[in-house]
């Protein structure tokens, strides 16, 4: 797997494998350009049931319901979509102590040339801090083991934990 495309595929497979090690069997996602390969990886992998949703809040609701069925789940979305989920997370997950992994893109950080995502970089982490949701930034392939740490922590605190994925990571550049 030489070259940038091969490295990106390798990173995608490592992320998929790390989530499988956690016992996650359901991934609910909303499309985002940065995670297209990752969504395809979950869709093609028989260890997962992938459900495409039309709203980020639907991913939160679906994954919350899966918890009560004993199914480990992850909601996967872009940063701006995550910011629309504050009510669903605080009402459903915090009230009923429902753990889950939430995977997001880290749009708007330095290196993201999309000017219209700058607000994500300005507000995303302060928003997470304001609702006391634990956040783990995965910026290098060497950090992919933190996915399991985040998953276990969500179980310990009975709340969601957010794992943020950078563009360079998803492209296999780091």
N, C-alpha and C. Protein backbone atom coordinates (compact mmCIF):
# COMPACT_ATOMS: atom_id res chain seq x y z
N UNK A 1 0.83 -1.20 0.00
CA UNK A 1 0.00 0.00 0.00
C UNK A 1 0.87 1.25 0.00
N UNK A 2 1.63 1.45 -1.00
CA UNK A 2 2.49 2.62 -1.06
C UNK A 2 1.68 3.84 -1.49
N UNK A 3 2.20 5.00 -1.16
CA UNK A 3 1.58 6.24 -1.58
C UNK A 3 0.51 6.72 -0.62
N UNK A 4 0.06 7.96 -0.84
CA UNK A 4 -0.92 8.58 0.06
C UNK A 4 -2.24 7.82 0.16
N UNK A 5 -2.75 7.32 -0.96
CA UNK A 5 -4.02 6.59 -0.92
C UNK A 5 -3.88 5.31 -0.11
N UNK A 6 -2.76 4.63 -0.26
CA UNK A 6 -2.51 3.41 0.51
C UNK A 6 -2.39 3.68 1.99
N UNK A 7 -1.73 4.77 2.34
CA UNK A 7 -1.59 5.13 3.76
C UNK A 7 -2.95 5.50 4.35
N UNK A 8 -3.77 6.19 3.58
CA UNK A 8 -5.11 6.55 4.05
C UNK A 8 -5.95 5.30 4.28
N UNK A 9 -5.87 4.33 3.37
CA UNK A 9 -6.60 3.07 3.53
C UNK A 9 -6.11 2.31 4.76
N UNK A 10 -4.81 2.32 4.95
CA UNK A 10 -4.24 1.64 6.12
C UNK A 10 -4.74 2.29 7.42
N UNK A 11 -4.77 3.61 7.46
CA UNK A 11 -5.27 4.32 8.65
C UNK A 11 -6.74 4.02 8.87
N UNK A 12 -7.51 4.04 7.79
CA UNK A 12 -8.94 3.72 7.89
C UNK A 12 -9.12 2.33 8.48
N UNK A 13 -8.37 1.36 7.99
CA UNK A 13 -8.50 -0.01 8.49
C UNK A 13 -8.10 -0.10 9.95
N UNK A 14 -7.09 0.63 10.35
CA UNK A 14 -6.67 0.61 11.76
C UNK A 14 -7.75 1.20 12.66
N UNK A 15 -8.43 2.26 12.20
CA UNK A 15 -9.52 2.84 12.99
C UNK A 15 -10.66 1.83 13.11
N UNK A 16 -11.01 1.20 12.00
CA UNK A 16 -12.07 0.19 12.01
C UNK A 16 -11.69 -0.95 12.96
N UNK A 17 -10.46 -1.41 12.90
CA UNK A 17 -10.02 -2.50 13.77
C UNK A 17 -10.04 -2.10 15.24
N UNK A 18 -9.62 -0.88 15.54
CA UNK A 18 -9.63 -0.40 16.93
C UNK A 18 -11.05 -0.37 17.48
N UNK A 19 -12.01 0.08 16.69
CA UNK A 19 -13.39 0.11 17.18
C UNK A 19 -13.94 -1.30 17.33
N UNK A 20 -13.54 -2.20 16.46
CA UNK A 20 -13.99 -3.60 16.59
C UNK A 20 -13.46 -4.21 17.89
N UNK A 21 -12.21 -3.91 18.25
CA UNK A 21 -11.63 -4.41 19.50
C UNK A 21 -12.44 -3.96 20.71
N UNK A 22 -13.10 -2.83 20.60
CA UNK A 22 -13.91 -2.30 21.71
C UNK A 22 -15.21 -3.07 21.88
N UNK A 23 -15.59 -3.82 20.88
CA UNK A 23 -16.88 -4.51 20.94
C UNK A 23 -17.99 -3.70 20.31
N UNK A 24 -17.64 -2.69 19.56
CA UNK A 24 -18.64 -1.88 18.86
C UNK A 24 -19.17 -2.70 17.70
N UNK A 25 -20.48 -2.79 17.59
CA UNK A 25 -21.11 -3.55 16.52
C UNK A 25 -21.99 -2.71 15.63
N UNK A 26 -22.29 -1.49 16.07
CA UNK A 26 -23.16 -0.59 15.31
C UNK A 26 -22.47 0.75 15.14
N UNK A 27 -22.44 1.23 13.92
CA UNK A 27 -21.93 2.57 13.62
C UNK A 27 -23.02 3.30 12.86
N UNK A 28 -23.44 4.43 13.40
CA UNK A 28 -24.43 5.28 12.74
C UNK A 28 -23.70 6.54 12.30
N UNK A 29 -23.86 6.92 11.04
CA UNK A 29 -23.09 8.05 10.54
C UNK A 29 -23.90 8.94 9.62
N UNK A 30 -23.41 10.16 9.53
CA UNK A 30 -23.88 11.13 8.56
C UNK A 30 -22.68 11.45 7.67
N UNK A 31 -22.87 11.49 6.37
CA UNK A 31 -21.73 11.71 5.48
C UNK A 31 -20.98 13.01 5.77
N UNK A 32 -19.68 12.94 5.61
CA UNK A 32 -18.78 14.08 5.72
C UNK A 32 -17.60 13.74 4.82
N UNK A 33 -17.15 14.70 4.05
CA UNK A 33 -16.08 14.44 3.09
C UNK A 33 -14.84 13.82 3.69
N UNK A 34 -14.49 14.21 4.90
CA UNK A 34 -13.28 13.69 5.52
C UNK A 34 -13.41 12.23 5.92
N UNK A 35 -14.62 11.75 6.20
CA UNK A 35 -14.79 10.40 6.72
C UNK A 35 -15.45 9.44 5.72
N UNK A 36 -15.51 9.82 4.46
CA UNK A 36 -16.11 8.96 3.44
C UNK A 36 -15.46 7.58 3.41
N UNK A 37 -14.13 7.53 3.41
CA UNK A 37 -13.44 6.24 3.38
C UNK A 37 -13.73 5.44 4.65
N UNK A 38 -13.81 6.13 5.77
CA UNK A 38 -14.08 5.45 7.04
C UNK A 38 -15.49 4.86 7.04
N UNK A 39 -16.46 5.62 6.55
CA UNK A 39 -17.84 5.12 6.45
C UNK A 39 -17.87 3.89 5.55
N UNK A 40 -17.18 3.96 4.42
CA UNK A 40 -17.12 2.81 3.52
C UNK A 40 -16.46 1.61 4.19
N UNK A 41 -15.45 1.86 5.02
CA UNK A 41 -14.79 0.79 5.75
C UNK A 41 -15.73 0.07 6.70
N UNK A 42 -16.56 0.84 7.42
CA UNK A 42 -17.53 0.22 8.33
C UNK A 42 -18.62 -0.51 7.56
N UNK A 43 -19.05 0.07 6.46
CA UNK A 43 -20.11 -0.54 5.65
C UNK A 43 -19.67 -1.90 5.10
N UNK A 44 -18.41 -1.98 4.68
CA UNK A 44 -17.90 -3.20 4.06
C UNK A 44 -17.47 -4.28 5.06
N UNK A 45 -17.35 -3.93 6.31
CA UNK A 45 -16.83 -4.85 7.32
C UNK A 45 -17.96 -5.59 8.01
N UNK A 46 -17.94 -6.91 7.95
CA UNK A 46 -19.04 -7.73 8.50
C UNK A 46 -19.11 -7.69 10.02
N UNK A 47 -18.11 -7.12 10.68
CA UNK A 47 -18.16 -7.00 12.14
C UNK A 47 -19.11 -5.89 12.59
N UNK A 48 -19.55 -5.07 11.64
CA UNK A 48 -20.36 -3.90 11.97
C UNK A 48 -21.67 -3.89 11.20
N UNK A 49 -22.65 -3.32 11.82
CA UNK A 49 -23.86 -2.92 11.11
C UNK A 49 -23.74 -1.41 10.99
N UNK A 50 -23.71 -0.93 9.76
CA UNK A 50 -23.62 0.51 9.54
C UNK A 50 -25.00 1.03 9.16
N UNK A 51 -25.40 2.12 9.80
CA UNK A 51 -26.68 2.75 9.49
C UNK A 51 -26.41 4.21 9.13
N UNK A 52 -26.76 4.57 7.91
CA UNK A 52 -26.66 5.97 7.48
C UNK A 52 -27.89 6.71 7.99
N UNK A 53 -27.67 7.87 8.58
CA UNK A 53 -28.78 8.67 9.11
C UNK A 53 -28.84 10.01 8.40
N UNK A 54 -29.98 10.68 8.52
CA UNK A 54 -30.12 11.97 7.84
C UNK A 54 -29.93 13.16 8.77
N UNK A 55 -29.80 12.91 10.07
CA UNK A 55 -29.54 13.97 11.04
C UNK A 55 -28.62 13.41 12.12
N UNK A 56 -27.72 14.23 12.60
CA UNK A 56 -26.77 13.79 13.62
C UNK A 56 -27.48 13.34 14.89
N UNK A 57 -28.56 14.03 15.23
CA UNK A 57 -29.32 13.66 16.43
C UNK A 57 -29.88 12.24 16.30
N UNK A 58 -30.18 11.83 15.08
CA UNK A 58 -30.66 10.47 14.85
C UNK A 58 -29.58 9.45 15.17
N UNK A 59 -28.34 9.77 14.87
CA UNK A 59 -27.23 8.87 15.21
C UNK A 59 -27.12 8.74 16.73
N UNK A 60 -27.26 9.84 17.44
CA UNK A 60 -27.20 9.80 18.90
C UNK A 60 -28.34 8.95 19.44
N UNK A 61 -29.55 9.15 18.95
CA UNK A 61 -30.71 8.38 19.40
C UNK A 61 -30.57 6.90 19.09
N UNK A 62 -30.13 6.57 17.89
CA UNK A 62 -29.97 5.18 17.49
C UNK A 62 -28.92 4.47 18.34
N UNK A 63 -27.80 5.14 18.55
CA UNK A 63 -26.73 4.54 19.35
C UNK A 63 -27.15 4.42 20.82
N UNK A 64 -27.93 5.37 21.30
CA UNK A 64 -28.43 5.30 22.69
C UNK A 64 -29.35 4.11 22.85
N UNK A 65 -30.23 3.89 21.91
CA UNK A 65 -31.13 2.74 21.95
C UNK A 65 -30.37 1.43 21.87
N UNK A 66 -29.32 1.40 21.08
CA UNK A 66 -28.51 0.18 20.94
C UNK A 66 -27.90 -0.22 22.28
N UNK A 67 -27.54 0.78 23.10
CA UNK A 67 -26.97 0.48 24.41
C UNK A 67 -27.91 -0.38 25.24
N UNK A 68 -29.21 -0.07 25.19
CA UNK A 68 -30.18 -0.84 25.97
C UNK A 68 -30.40 -2.24 25.43
N UNK A 69 -29.92 -2.49 24.23
CA UNK A 69 -29.97 -3.84 23.64
C UNK A 69 -28.66 -4.59 23.83
N UNK A 70 -27.72 -3.95 24.51
CA UNK A 70 -26.43 -4.58 24.74
C UNK A 70 -25.48 -4.49 23.57
N UNK A 71 -25.74 -3.59 22.64
CA UNK A 71 -24.91 -3.44 21.45
C UNK A 71 -24.03 -2.21 21.62
N UNK A 72 -22.73 -2.40 21.52
CA UNK A 72 -21.80 -1.27 21.55
C UNK A 72 -21.93 -0.46 20.27
N UNK A 73 -21.89 0.86 20.40
CA UNK A 73 -22.12 1.67 19.21
C UNK A 73 -21.25 2.92 19.18
N UNK A 74 -21.14 3.45 17.97
CA UNK A 74 -20.44 4.71 17.75
C UNK A 74 -21.24 5.55 16.78
N UNK A 75 -21.41 6.82 17.13
CA UNK A 75 -21.98 7.81 16.22
C UNK A 75 -20.81 8.51 15.55
N UNK A 76 -20.83 8.62 14.23
CA UNK A 76 -19.73 9.17 13.46
C UNK A 76 -20.24 10.32 12.61
N UNK A 77 -19.60 11.50 12.74
CA UNK A 77 -20.10 12.69 12.06
C UNK A 77 -19.04 13.77 11.97
N UNK A 78 -19.38 14.83 11.26
CA UNK A 78 -18.51 15.99 11.18
C UNK A 78 -18.63 16.84 12.43
N UNK A 79 -17.67 17.74 12.61
CA UNK A 79 -17.65 18.60 13.79
C UNK A 79 -18.89 19.49 13.88
N UNK A 80 -19.29 20.08 12.77
CA UNK A 80 -20.45 20.97 12.82
C UNK A 80 -21.71 20.19 13.17
N UNK A 81 -21.82 18.96 12.68
CA UNK A 81 -22.96 18.12 13.03
C UNK A 81 -22.98 17.78 14.51
N UNK A 82 -21.80 17.51 15.06
CA UNK A 82 -21.73 17.24 16.50
C UNK A 82 -22.28 18.43 17.29
N UNK A 83 -21.95 19.63 16.85
CA UNK A 83 -22.39 20.81 17.60
C UNK A 83 -23.91 20.95 17.61
N UNK A 84 -24.60 20.32 16.68
CA UNK A 84 -26.07 20.36 16.69
C UNK A 84 -26.67 19.35 17.66
N UNK A 85 -25.86 18.48 18.23
CA UNK A 85 -26.34 17.36 19.07
C UNK A 85 -26.33 17.64 20.56
N UNK A 86 -26.02 18.84 20.97
CA UNK A 86 -25.88 19.13 22.40
C UNK A 86 -27.15 18.76 23.17
N UNK A 87 -28.30 19.13 22.68
CA UNK A 87 -29.53 18.82 23.41
C UNK A 87 -29.74 17.31 23.50
N UNK A 88 -29.57 16.59 22.41
CA UNK A 88 -29.77 15.14 22.43
C UNK A 88 -28.82 14.47 23.42
N UNK A 89 -27.57 14.88 23.42
CA UNK A 89 -26.58 14.28 24.32
C UNK A 89 -26.92 14.58 25.78
N UNK A 90 -27.20 15.85 26.07
CA UNK A 90 -27.45 16.21 27.47
C UNK A 90 -28.79 15.69 27.96
N UNK A 91 -29.78 15.61 27.10
CA UNK A 91 -31.10 15.12 27.51
C UNK A 91 -31.13 13.60 27.59
N UNK A 92 -30.66 12.92 26.57
CA UNK A 92 -30.75 11.46 26.52
C UNK A 92 -29.60 10.81 27.29
N UNK A 93 -28.38 11.06 26.86
CA UNK A 93 -27.23 10.34 27.40
C UNK A 93 -26.89 10.72 28.83
N UNK A 94 -26.95 12.01 29.14
CA UNK A 94 -26.61 12.42 30.50
C UNK A 94 -27.73 12.03 31.46
N UNK A 95 -28.98 12.23 31.07
CA UNK A 95 -30.10 11.90 31.95
C UNK A 95 -30.15 10.42 32.27
N UNK A 96 -30.00 9.59 31.25
CA UNK A 96 -30.14 8.14 31.42
C UNK A 96 -28.82 7.40 31.53
N UNK A 97 -27.71 8.14 31.66
CA UNK A 97 -26.37 7.58 31.84
C UNK A 97 -26.04 6.53 30.78
N UNK A 98 -26.10 6.98 29.53
CA UNK A 98 -25.85 6.09 28.39
C UNK A 98 -24.47 6.39 27.80
N UNK A 99 -23.57 5.42 27.90
CA UNK A 99 -22.25 5.61 27.30
C UNK A 99 -22.28 5.33 25.80
N UNK A 100 -21.40 5.97 25.09
CA UNK A 100 -21.18 5.68 23.67
C UNK A 100 -19.93 6.40 23.22
N UNK A 101 -19.44 5.99 22.09
CA UNK A 101 -18.33 6.68 21.47
C UNK A 101 -18.89 7.57 20.37
N UNK A 102 -18.42 8.79 20.32
CA UNK A 102 -18.81 9.71 19.25
C UNK A 102 -17.54 10.09 18.51
N UNK A 103 -17.46 9.72 17.25
CA UNK A 103 -16.32 10.06 16.42
C UNK A 103 -16.66 11.27 15.57
N UNK A 104 -15.77 12.26 15.60
CA UNK A 104 -16.01 13.49 14.84
C UNK A 104 -14.76 13.89 14.06
N UNK A 105 -14.96 14.71 13.06
CA UNK A 105 -13.84 15.33 12.35
C UNK A 105 -13.45 16.58 13.13
N UNK A 106 -12.19 16.92 13.08
CA UNK A 106 -11.72 18.13 13.75
C UNK A 106 -11.55 19.23 12.72
N UNK A 107 -12.67 19.66 12.17
CA UNK A 107 -12.67 20.73 11.17
C UNK A 107 -12.33 22.06 11.83
N UNK A 108 -11.73 22.93 11.04
CA UNK A 108 -11.45 24.28 11.48
C UNK A 108 -10.15 24.46 12.22
N UNK A 109 -9.42 23.39 12.41
CA UNK A 109 -8.12 23.50 13.06
C UNK A 109 -7.08 23.98 12.05
N UNK A 110 -5.94 24.46 12.52
CA UNK A 110 -4.89 24.83 11.58
C UNK A 110 -4.60 23.66 10.63
N UNK A 111 -4.51 23.97 9.36
CA UNK A 111 -4.32 22.96 8.34
C UNK A 111 -5.58 22.71 7.53
N UNK A 112 -6.73 23.14 8.06
CA UNK A 112 -8.00 23.03 7.33
C UNK A 112 -8.15 24.31 6.53
N UNK A 113 -8.06 24.20 5.22
CA UNK A 113 -8.09 25.40 4.37
C UNK A 113 -9.51 25.87 4.03
N UNK A 114 -10.53 25.19 4.54
CA UNK A 114 -11.92 25.59 4.27
C UNK A 114 -12.31 26.72 5.23
N UNK A 115 -12.32 27.92 4.71
CA UNK A 115 -12.58 29.10 5.54
C UNK A 115 -13.92 29.02 6.27
N UNK A 116 -14.91 28.40 5.64
CA UNK A 116 -16.23 28.32 6.25
C UNK A 116 -16.28 27.35 7.44
N UNK A 117 -15.19 26.65 7.72
CA UNK A 117 -15.13 25.77 8.89
C UNK A 117 -14.32 26.37 10.03
N UNK A 118 -13.85 27.60 9.86
CA UNK A 118 -13.08 28.25 10.92
C UNK A 118 -13.87 28.30 12.22
N UNK A 119 -15.18 28.54 12.14
CA UNK A 119 -15.98 28.62 13.36
C UNK A 119 -15.94 27.30 14.13
N UNK A 120 -15.84 26.17 13.43
CA UNK A 120 -15.71 24.89 14.14
C UNK A 120 -14.47 24.89 15.00
N UNK A 121 -13.37 25.36 14.45
CA UNK A 121 -12.12 25.41 15.20
C UNK A 121 -12.19 26.35 16.39
N UNK A 122 -12.97 27.41 16.25
CA UNK A 122 -13.09 28.38 17.35
C UNK A 122 -14.00 27.90 18.47
N UNK A 123 -15.06 27.18 18.13
CA UNK A 123 -16.11 26.88 19.11
C UNK A 123 -16.20 25.43 19.55
N UNK A 124 -15.66 24.51 18.80
CA UNK A 124 -15.86 23.09 19.09
C UNK A 124 -15.37 22.68 20.48
N UNK A 125 -14.11 22.91 20.77
CA UNK A 125 -13.58 22.47 22.06
C UNK A 125 -14.18 23.24 23.23
N UNK A 126 -14.40 24.56 23.13
CA UNK A 126 -15.09 25.25 24.23
C UNK A 126 -16.52 24.73 24.44
N UNK A 127 -17.20 24.36 23.35
CA UNK A 127 -18.54 23.79 23.48
C UNK A 127 -18.49 22.47 24.23
N UNK A 128 -17.54 21.61 23.89
CA UNK A 128 -17.42 20.33 24.59
C UNK A 128 -17.12 20.56 26.07
N UNK A 129 -16.24 21.50 26.35
CA UNK A 129 -15.91 21.79 27.75
C UNK A 129 -17.14 22.31 28.50
N UNK A 130 -17.99 23.07 27.83
CA UNK A 130 -19.16 23.64 28.50
C UNK A 130 -20.18 22.58 28.94
N UNK A 131 -20.18 21.43 28.27
CA UNK A 131 -21.10 20.35 28.67
C UNK A 131 -20.34 19.20 29.34
N UNK A 132 -19.09 19.43 29.65
CA UNK A 132 -18.26 18.45 30.36
C UNK A 132 -18.22 17.08 29.68
N UNK A 133 -18.12 17.08 28.37
CA UNK A 133 -17.99 15.81 27.66
C UNK A 133 -16.51 15.54 27.42
N UNK A 134 -16.01 14.39 27.85
CA UNK A 134 -14.61 14.09 27.62
C UNK A 134 -14.28 14.03 26.13
N UNK A 135 -13.10 14.50 25.80
CA UNK A 135 -12.67 14.64 24.41
C UNK A 135 -11.24 14.14 24.26
N UNK A 136 -11.03 13.29 23.26
CA UNK A 136 -9.69 12.78 22.95
C UNK A 136 -9.41 13.12 21.49
N UNK A 137 -8.38 13.91 21.26
CA UNK A 137 -7.97 14.23 19.89
C UNK A 137 -7.01 13.15 19.41
N UNK A 138 -7.30 12.58 18.26
CA UNK A 138 -6.43 11.58 17.64
C UNK A 138 -5.78 12.28 16.45
N UNK A 139 -4.51 12.64 16.62
CA UNK A 139 -3.83 13.45 15.61
C UNK A 139 -2.77 12.67 14.85
N UNK A 140 -2.35 11.52 15.39
CA UNK A 140 -1.30 10.71 14.74
C UNK A 140 -1.71 9.25 14.79
N UNK A 141 -1.23 8.49 13.84
CA UNK A 141 -1.57 7.06 13.83
C UNK A 141 -1.10 6.36 15.10
N UNK A 142 -0.05 6.86 15.71
CA UNK A 142 0.45 6.27 16.96
C UNK A 142 -0.57 6.42 18.10
N UNK A 143 -1.53 7.34 17.93
CA UNK A 143 -2.53 7.60 18.98
C UNK A 143 -3.80 6.78 18.81
N UNK A 144 -3.88 5.93 17.80
CA UNK A 144 -5.13 5.22 17.53
C UNK A 144 -5.57 4.31 18.67
N UNK A 145 -4.65 3.86 19.50
CA UNK A 145 -5.02 3.06 20.66
C UNK A 145 -5.87 3.82 21.66
N UNK A 146 -5.88 5.14 21.56
CA UNK A 146 -6.70 5.97 22.44
C UNK A 146 -8.20 5.78 22.19
N UNK A 147 -8.54 5.21 21.04
CA UNK A 147 -9.95 4.92 20.77
C UNK A 147 -10.48 3.96 21.83
N UNK A 148 -9.72 2.92 22.12
CA UNK A 148 -10.13 1.97 23.15
C UNK A 148 -10.17 2.59 24.53
N UNK A 149 -9.22 3.46 24.82
CA UNK A 149 -9.21 4.17 26.11
C UNK A 149 -10.47 5.02 26.23
N UNK A 150 -10.83 5.72 25.17
CA UNK A 150 -12.05 6.56 25.19
C UNK A 150 -13.29 5.70 25.38
N UNK A 151 -13.35 4.56 24.69
CA UNK A 151 -14.48 3.64 24.81
C UNK A 151 -14.65 3.16 26.26
N UNK A 152 -13.55 2.71 26.85
CA UNK A 152 -13.62 2.22 28.22
C UNK A 152 -14.00 3.34 29.19
N UNK A 153 -13.51 4.54 28.93
CA UNK A 153 -13.85 5.66 29.80
C UNK A 153 -15.34 5.98 29.72
N UNK A 154 -15.92 5.85 28.53
CA UNK A 154 -17.36 6.10 28.40
C UNK A 154 -18.14 5.11 29.27
N UNK A 155 -17.65 3.89 29.37
CA UNK A 155 -18.30 2.87 30.21
C UNK A 155 -18.11 3.21 31.69
N UNK A 156 -16.95 3.72 32.05
CA UNK A 156 -16.66 4.06 33.45
C UNK A 156 -17.55 5.19 33.94
N UNK A 157 -17.72 6.21 33.09
CA UNK A 157 -18.49 7.39 33.52
C UNK A 157 -19.95 7.33 33.10
N UNK A 158 -20.33 6.32 32.35
CA UNK A 158 -21.71 6.17 31.85
C UNK A 158 -22.19 7.41 31.10
N UNK A 159 -21.33 7.89 30.23
CA UNK A 159 -21.61 9.05 29.37
C UNK A 159 -20.83 8.89 28.08
N UNK A 160 -21.21 9.67 27.07
CA UNK A 160 -20.43 9.63 25.83
C UNK A 160 -19.03 10.22 26.00
N UNK A 161 -18.13 9.77 25.15
CA UNK A 161 -16.80 10.34 25.02
C UNK A 161 -16.59 10.62 23.54
N UNK A 162 -16.03 11.77 23.24
CA UNK A 162 -15.79 12.18 21.85
C UNK A 162 -14.35 11.89 21.47
N UNK A 163 -14.19 11.29 20.29
CA UNK A 163 -12.88 11.07 19.69
C UNK A 163 -12.85 11.92 18.43
N UNK A 164 -11.90 12.85 18.38
CA UNK A 164 -11.77 13.74 17.22
C UNK A 164 -10.65 13.30 16.31
N UNK A 165 -10.93 13.23 15.02
CA UNK A 165 -9.98 12.76 14.02
C UNK A 165 -9.55 13.92 13.12
N UNK A 166 -8.25 14.11 12.99
CA UNK A 166 -7.75 15.20 12.15
C UNK A 166 -7.71 14.80 10.68
N UNK A 167 -7.65 15.80 9.84
CA UNK A 167 -7.56 15.56 8.40
C UNK A 167 -6.27 14.83 8.04
N UNK A 168 -5.15 15.27 8.63
CA UNK A 168 -3.89 14.62 8.33
C UNK A 168 -3.92 13.14 8.73
N UNK A 169 -4.54 12.82 9.86
CA UNK A 169 -4.65 11.43 10.28
C UNK A 169 -5.45 10.64 9.24
N UNK A 170 -6.63 11.14 8.88
CA UNK A 170 -7.51 10.43 7.96
C UNK A 170 -6.89 10.29 6.57
N UNK A 171 -6.01 11.17 6.20
CA UNK A 171 -5.31 11.07 4.91
C UNK A 171 -4.10 10.16 4.99
N UNK A 172 -3.77 9.70 6.21
CA UNK A 172 -2.61 8.83 6.39
C UNK A 172 -1.29 9.57 6.39
N UNK A 173 -1.34 10.87 6.68
CA UNK A 173 -0.12 11.69 6.63
C UNK A 173 0.69 11.69 7.91
N UNK A 174 0.13 11.18 8.99
CA UNK A 174 0.84 11.23 10.28
C UNK A 174 0.76 9.92 11.02
